[in-house]
Structure formats: C-alpha cells, structure tokens
C-alpha cells in the first residue's frame, strides 16, 4: 500500500521495476477505450473517468532542437499551437523526456466537461473565417488565381432558380452553336 510520503518519494525519483533507459520514441499510440456491456471483474483492473473531450498526447523531449514540448491529436496532428497554455504548463514539469496521454476538456458552468464547448473553442465561426480570407485576398487583382467568392443575400430557392437559369442559358448557347 502506497502512502502519501512514498508517492512523493516515487515522484522525486521515479523508477519502474525492470525499466531500461531508452531514447524517446518519435510517435506514440494511446490505448483506446473499448465499449463493453459490463465492467470487468477482479482486482487486476484499475478504473478512471472517461472525459468527453479530445485525446491529446504530449511529447516532452528537453533535448529536441525544434521545441521541447509538442502536443498531438490521437491521429498524429500537431496541435502544439492550439494548446499554448498547456504547453507552458508542461514546460513547468521537471521531466526530461516522456510521452503523456490525456484528455483535453472544456468545463461548462457546472464544472462538467462539455464536448460541444470544446468544439466551439476550436471552431472559428464561418463569418470570421470568411472575413479573414477576404482580407487576405483583398487587392490580389483580377489576374490572380486566388479570388474571394462573395456570398449571396438571396433565399436558397432564388439562388437555385438563378443557378438553373444560368445553366439553362449556357446549355442553350452550347447547343445553338
């Protein structure tokens, strides 16, 4: 049985029986949750809460030249820039090299993880994305291969009718030649 004192000692000088010091692997695949009908029986299991969030993998490598802390999605996408606050928190840890897997969550007003709030934290609204794109492409000129496509202030029905009319006129011109 571990005591608070023995856990502090382990944290100060961690060791795992039989572990061999090795170079940190370039990638890491976390264990994924498996849905089952009942919890497994026996004392050989440990349990933890499955939060409703994004699986995030933190790679800590103080010897790396291109950044000691990198955060990745489960599929390997580098999300270091999206988690700058968490990167700073990992930088505070006294760890030379390690992989950590965890769950990124956003808590609602009741302190409960909210997947919807998490998605909104990363999803930039369409209007903002379009405004940024318009500003980036503004002034590119008529010769540019990149152009901003303005949205239409028509009802979907009117827009569809107009598109059909244009298509019908184009088809009529092509068949009349």
Protein backbone atom coordinates (compact mmCIF):
# COMPACT_ATOMS: atom_id res chain seq x y z
CA UNK A 1 0.00 0.00 0.00
CA UNK A 2 1.40 3.38 -1.03
CA UNK A 3 1.36 6.30 1.37
CA UNK A 4 1.44 9.97 0.51
CA UNK A 5 5.10 10.01 1.58
CA UNK A 6 6.03 7.04 -0.65
CA UNK A 7 4.22 8.65 -3.62
CA UNK A 8 6.21 11.85 -3.11
CA UNK A 9 9.43 9.83 -2.98
CA UNK A 10 8.46 7.97 -6.16
CA UNK A 11 7.66 11.23 -7.93
CA UNK A 12 11.02 12.68 -6.89
CA UNK A 13 12.94 9.67 -8.17
CA UNK A 14 10.65 7.64 -10.42
CA UNK A 15 11.60 4.12 -11.33
CA UNK A 16 9.72 1.22 -12.79
CA UNK A 17 10.94 -2.25 -11.97
CA UNK A 18 12.71 -3.72 -15.00
CA UNK A 19 12.61 -0.47 -16.99
CA UNK A 20 15.55 0.25 -19.27
CA UNK A 21 16.51 3.79 -20.19
CA UNK A 22 15.98 4.32 -23.93
CA UNK A 23 15.63 7.11 -26.47
CA UNK A 24 12.17 8.68 -26.58
CA UNK A 25 10.10 7.24 -29.43
CA UNK A 26 9.09 9.59 -32.24
CA UNK A 27 5.42 8.59 -32.03
CA UNK A 28 3.01 7.09 -29.54
CA UNK A 29 -0.29 5.27 -29.89
CA UNK A 30 -2.53 5.54 -26.82
CA UNK A 31 -4.72 2.76 -25.52
CA UNK A 32 -8.24 3.35 -26.77
CA UNK A 33 -11.42 2.85 -24.82
CA UNK A 34 -13.38 -0.30 -25.62
CA UNK A 35 -17.11 -0.26 -25.10
CA UNK A 36 -18.33 -3.25 -23.08
CA UNK A 37 -21.66 -4.24 -21.56
CA UNK A 38 -20.34 -4.73 -18.02
CA UNK A 39 -17.28 -3.71 -16.06
CA UNK A 40 -14.59 -6.41 -15.86
CA UNK A 41 -14.42 -8.33 -12.60
CA UNK A 42 -11.36 -8.87 -10.44
CA UNK A 43 -8.70 -6.89 -8.66
CA UNK A 44 -6.36 -6.71 -11.67
CA UNK A 45 -8.20 -3.72 -13.13
CA UNK A 46 -7.91 -0.03 -12.39
CA UNK A 47 -10.54 2.49 -13.35
CA UNK A 48 -10.60 6.14 -14.30
CA UNK A 49 -13.17 8.55 -15.65
CA UNK A 50 -13.52 8.80 -19.42
CA UNK A 51 -13.91 12.52 -20.02
CA UNK A 52 -15.84 13.79 -23.01
CA UNK A 53 -13.01 15.57 -24.81
CA UNK A 54 -10.17 15.24 -27.30
CA UNK A 55 -7.42 12.72 -26.73
CA UNK A 56 -4.17 14.70 -26.59
CA UNK A 57 -0.65 13.32 -26.49
CA UNK A 58 2.16 15.40 -25.02
CA UNK A 59 5.73 14.64 -26.09
CA UNK A 60 8.33 16.09 -23.76
CA UNK A 61 11.89 15.98 -25.06
CA UNK A 62 14.21 18.56 -23.48
CA UNK A 63 16.99 17.57 -25.92
CA UNK A 64 14.89 18.41 -29.00
CA UNK A 65 16.14 21.31 -31.09
CA UNK A 66 12.72 22.19 -32.53
CA UNK A 67 10.82 22.57 -29.27
CA UNK A 68 10.86 20.51 -26.12
CA UNK A 69 7.07 20.19 -25.81
CA UNK A 70 4.80 19.05 -28.64
CA UNK A 71 1.11 18.23 -28.37
CA UNK A 72 -0.56 15.87 -30.82
CA UNK A 73 -4.01 14.54 -31.54
CA UNK A 74 -4.64 10.81 -31.38
CA UNK A 75 -4.21 10.68 -35.18
CA UNK A 76 -0.84 12.46 -35.03
CA UNK A 77 -1.78 16.03 -35.96
CA UNK A 78 0.49 18.59 -34.31
CA UNK A 79 -1.74 20.82 -32.15
CA UNK A 80 1.05 22.49 -30.18
CA UNK A 81 -0.03 25.95 -31.35
CA UNK A 82 -3.65 25.30 -30.36
CA UNK A 83 -2.65 24.34 -26.80
CA UNK A 84 -0.14 27.08 -25.95
CA UNK A 85 -1.30 27.34 -22.31
CA UNK A 86 -0.95 23.59 -21.82
CA UNK A 87 2.50 23.66 -23.43
CA UNK A 88 3.57 26.24 -20.84
CA UNK A 89 2.19 24.02 -18.06
CA UNK A 90 4.14 21.02 -19.38
CA UNK A 91 7.27 23.19 -19.55
CA UNK A 92 6.97 23.70 -15.79
CA UNK A 93 7.24 19.96 -15.11
CA UNK A 94 10.62 18.62 -14.10
CA UNK A 95 10.66 15.90 -16.76
CA UNK A 96 13.50 15.30 -19.21
CA UNK A 97 11.60 13.12 -21.68
CA UNK A 98 8.24 11.39 -21.71
CA UNK A 99 5.00 10.78 -23.53
CA UNK A 100 1.80 11.68 -21.67
CA UNK A 101 -1.66 10.89 -22.93
CA UNK A 102 -4.70 12.66 -21.61
CA UNK A 103 -7.97 14.28 -22.46
CA UNK A 104 -8.46 17.96 -23.32
CA UNK A 105 -11.79 19.17 -21.97
CA UNK A 106 -13.71 22.41 -21.57
CA UNK A 107 -15.83 22.64 -18.45
CA UNK A 108 -19.32 24.10 -18.53
CA UNK A 109 -20.74 26.46 -15.91
CA UNK A 110 -21.29 23.47 -13.58
CA UNK A 111 -17.73 22.18 -13.88
CA UNK A 112 -18.78 19.29 -16.11
CA UNK A 113 -16.84 18.53 -19.33
CA UNK A 114 -18.75 19.74 -22.39
CA UNK A 115 -17.73 18.32 -25.77
CA UNK A 116 -19.84 20.97 -27.52
CA UNK A 117 -17.98 23.76 -25.71
CA UNK A 118 -14.67 22.09 -26.59
CA UNK A 119 -15.57 22.00 -30.29
CA UNK A 120 -16.61 25.66 -30.15
CA UNK A 121 -13.27 26.55 -28.56
CA UNK A 122 -11.52 25.39 -31.74
CA UNK A 123 -14.10 26.16 -34.40
CA UNK A 124 -13.85 29.69 -35.71
CA UNK A 125 -17.29 30.89 -36.85
CA UNK A 126 -17.88 30.99 -40.60
CA UNK A 127 -18.28 34.77 -40.66
CA UNK A 128 -14.87 35.25 -39.04
CA UNK A 129 -13.17 32.74 -41.36
CA UNK A 130 -14.67 34.48 -44.41
CA UNK A 131 -13.66 37.94 -43.14
CA UNK A 132 -10.08 36.75 -42.62
CA UNK A 133 -10.00 35.15 -46.07
CA UNK A 134 -11.45 38.30 -47.69
CA UNK A 135 -8.76 40.43 -46.00
CA UNK A 136 -6.01 38.04 -47.12
CA UNK A 137 -7.16 38.03 -50.73
CA UNK A 138 -8.11 41.70 -50.90
CA UNK A 139 -6.08 43.53 -53.51
CA UNK A 140 -4.84 40.43 -55.31
CA UNK A 141 -6.22 41.82 -58.56
CA UNK A 142 -8.12 40.35 -61.49
CA UNK A 143 -5.09 38.40 -62.73
CA UNK A 144 -4.73 36.43 -59.51
CA UNK A 145 -5.51 32.74 -59.49
CA UNK A 146 -6.90 33.19 -55.97
CA UNK A 147 -10.17 35.05 -55.60
CA UNK A 148 -12.66 35.54 -52.82
CA UNK A 149 -16.15 34.24 -53.57
CA UNK A 150 -18.78 36.55 -52.10
CA UNK A 151 -21.86 35.06 -50.55
CA UNK A 152 -25.32 35.85 -51.90
CA UNK A 153 -28.03 37.61 -49.97
CA UNK A 154 -30.83 35.63 -51.63
CA UNK A 155 -33.04 32.86 -50.39
CA UNK A 156 -31.86 29.37 -51.23
CA UNK A 157 -34.83 28.99 -53.58
CA UNK A 158 -33.99 32.18 -55.52
CA UNK A 159 -30.31 31.23 -55.69
CA UNK A 160 -31.12 27.76 -57.02
CA UNK A 161 -33.53 29.21 -59.61
CA UNK A 162 -30.85 31.69 -60.75
CA UNK A 163 -28.22 28.94 -61.00
CA UNK A 164 -30.63 26.82 -63.06
CA UNK A 165 -31.38 29.79 -65.34
CA UNK A 166 -27.67 30.41 -65.90
CA UNK A 167 -27.14 26.71 -66.58
CA UNK A 168 -30.06 26.62 -69.00
CA UNK A 169 -28.75 29.68 -70.87
CA UNK A 170 -25.26 28.19 -71.05
CA UNK A 171 -26.68 24.89 -72.26
CA UNK A 172 -28.82 26.71 -74.84
CA UNK A 173 -25.79 28.63 -76.17
CA UNK A 174 -23.72 25.44 -76.40
CA UNK A 175 -26.44 23.55 -78.29
CA UNK A 176 -27.16 26.52 -80.59
CA UNK A 177 -23.58 26.63 -81.92
